[in-house]
Amino acid sequence: MPRIWFDMLTHTERVRVLHRDDRELAAVRRLMKKANGSMFDCYLEKIGGRSPSIR
């Protein structure tokens, strides 16, 4: 699972930075969240997409 998640992360960053394809970005982010929600939360915090969650 870590390798698949890393591949999705790499693809997401490429789409976010180079292609700016919002539909594809949303689709890949949904897959990332479904695959590993806690890693997805860390990713969003890192890029400034959401404030850190309190657990």
Protein backbone atom coordinates (compact mmCIF):
# COMPACT_ATOMS: atom_id res chain seq x y z
CA MET A 1 0.00 0.00 0.00
CA PRO A 2 2.77 2.56 0.71
CA ARG A 3 4.09 2.32 -2.85
CA ILE A 4 0.63 2.81 -4.38
CA TRP A 5 -0.04 5.78 -2.11
CA PHE A 6 3.32 7.34 -3.00
CA ASP A 7 2.57 6.87 -6.71
CA MET A 8 -0.79 8.63 -6.24
CA LEU A 9 0.95 11.44 -4.34
CA THR A 10 3.49 11.88 -7.13
CA HIS A 11 0.74 11.96 -9.75
CA THR A 12 -1.35 14.40 -7.69
CA GLU A 13 1.52 16.84 -7.35
CA ARG A 14 2.25 16.62 -11.07
CA VAL A 15 -1.41 17.34 -11.88
CA ARG A 16 -1.64 20.10 -9.26
CA VAL A 17 1.51 21.93 -10.36
CA LEU A 18 1.89 21.26 -14.08
CA HIS A 19 -1.47 20.39 -15.59
CA ARG A 20 -3.95 22.19 -13.32
CA ASP A 21 -6.67 19.64 -14.18
CA ASP A 22 -9.19 20.08 -11.35
CA ARG A 23 -11.33 17.06 -12.23
CA GLU A 24 -8.37 14.69 -12.33
CA LEU A 25 -6.91 16.23 -9.17
CA ALA A 26 -10.18 15.73 -7.29
CA ALA A 27 -10.43 12.12 -8.47
CA VAL A 28 -6.90 11.23 -7.40
CA ARG A 29 -7.32 12.98 -4.05
CA ARG A 30 -10.49 10.96 -3.39
CA LEU A 31 -8.52 7.76 -4.03
CA MET A 32 -5.72 8.93 -1.74
CA LYS A 33 -8.19 9.69 1.06
CA LYS A 34 -9.91 6.34 0.64
CA ALA A 35 -6.58 4.46 0.64
CA ASN A 36 -5.17 6.14 3.76
CA GLY A 37 -7.11 8.93 5.44
CA SER A 38 -4.45 9.86 7.99
CA MET A 39 -1.73 10.20 5.34
CA PHE A 40 -4.15 12.24 3.24
CA ASP A 41 -4.73 14.61 6.19
CA CYS A 42 -0.96 15.03 6.58
CA TYR A 43 -0.66 15.76 2.86
CA LEU A 44 -3.34 18.47 3.02
CA GLU A 45 -1.73 20.05 6.08
CA LYS A 46 1.62 20.10 4.28
CA ILE A 47 0.26 21.86 1.18
CA GLY A 48 -1.89 24.22 3.21
CA GLY A 49 -5.18 22.70 2.15
CA ARG A 50 -6.55 22.31 5.66
CA SER A 51 -5.60 23.29 9.17
CA PRO A 52 -4.18 20.54 11.39
CA SER A 53 -6.87 18.36 12.92
CA ILE A 54 -7.11 17.88 16.67
CA ARG A 55 -7.43 14.25 17.72
